[in-house]
């Protein structure tokens, strides 16, 4: 049994002065023995908002079983999540990125308030994965992350389909290419089970990150949500957290700069979501590591693209699982010298040690070996130029054109751009400019999947381009550039563009330029005036006051560099004499 006098939970369970606290635990059916074991928070983002989250409570029970079998006391709680698929295409999407901070903040407050000794976190939808990983790094107590699993693919007219096919069918229907009956039939079969979106969108991208970064058990992110294997990995995660308590292995021992470089590598190699360009810097910030969008895209430049996954490719997460799971991706990248093998993981072993028994499966078509990639550079690239001095990001996986030059069509919100698309009031060669949708200006940095999917559904995905200071879903395809910084709300160059300006997008050379002189941009900047948003109270207002640049991860607090106290510091503080005596008496009784 772990020594409670060296754990945070002693402050709510040990000594005569904690009798009132213990009375609450007895009220919940706990025994004296339960109270004197380490307290493990088991947090999930379970809710009934969408299929991404509905399997998490089931998996949490398996985690608790594992904790109990290893002499711990699990304490389950939930936090919020906002599901992007439901929030997409309307003002609700402003809540999505903000929810990442609320998830991290609420988890921190729950763990601090109740002095839990460790944390196991289960997440299903996009922002909930980085939100929980951020909380783990911020608290820096022993932690294990586990993904809730992906949805099974739907079947429509003999083909596998995902929710993205439904979004694109909206554009196809608007252009007269699909009947309302076709759209209805598709929407009823596209999402046949529990789980997060099946392509290499944000949820599956960050699930891969959790494994290669070392916060999740090997193979744990692979099985789809309905599979019983998920419960097995949940149970093992519960058992493993007790080993981490014993060895005092904490997230900042695991999430190092090398681990973050490994994370960026797997994003590029799998053609993952551009949202990783936000989440990796934010996770790094919680550890006191300076790892910006510039650092992320440097890794992207030298990483081969090896996973043939939707939206740019053919396969979904279930296919990765059946091909051998995330470890075979890590294995071939490690063999090619793209992965740091000496990084510690939650197994207590290094990445290299975890890979010793892993063999790359040559009898599958989902994952290529590192020396036979789909393309020699990553599926996601960064862009910079006079239109994006702080950078921007684009997913090139599956793109037919990597250069585009066209005329600006400017919109100051997504709704106006979407209306233009649905009414087909645009033409080949246009570059949609959607601005005032950044972290501060939105506020909340909306994703634009409804608009980009409608363009693709109309068959125009390769004939127009789109740039925004907002975000894109990992499901977006086509020449769509997001995270343009500085954002319009702070007077970035994207705020100064006018209809008809010539814009150059060059993914090969990493350029995003507008054909304007510095003098002309300066003149326009003098005339520019800041705008107010419609959100002048409430959570979105609070977020806008503190959120920083997307290039730094859209962070909202000073981070580990400025902290003077973490929960983990309680581990090394001396117990009081009374705490030591009380715990010694309990141990003698036992």
Foldseek 3Di string as FASTA:
>chain_A
DDQCQLAQQLVQQFFPVNVVSVVVVVVVVDDNQQSRFAEEEEEEQADDPDLQHPLRVVLSVLLQLLQVVQSHHYDYDYDHADAQVVCPDDLSLLCHLVVLQRLLVVVLCVCVVNRHQEYEYEYGHQSNLLSVLLNQLLQFHQYAYFYLFAFDFFADPHATAAVLVLLLVLLLVLLVNDPPVRSVVCVVGGGDHHGHTWWQWRSVLSNLLCVLLFRYDAQRHQHHNVDPVNSVRSSVNSNLSSVCSVVVDTSLLRRDPLSLLSSLQSCFQALHFPLVQQSSLSSCLQNVHQQFSVNSQVSQFQHFHWFQTPPLHGHTSNLCSVQPGSLLVVVLCVVVVSHDQQGAHSNRHTNVVSNPPPDHRPPGDGGGRRVDGPGRGTQKHWADDLQFPLIWIDGNRNPPDQKAKAWEDEDAALNVLQVCSSNVVDDFRYEYEYALQACQSVVRQGANSSNQSSCVSSVCLARYEYEYCGGHIRNGDHRYMYVRPPGVQVPRLSVQDDTGWMWIGHRVVRYTDTPDDPVSSVVSSVVDDHDDDPDCDDDSNLLSVAFDGSRSNRDRDSHPVPDPDHSSVSSPDRRDPSSVVRSVVVVVVD
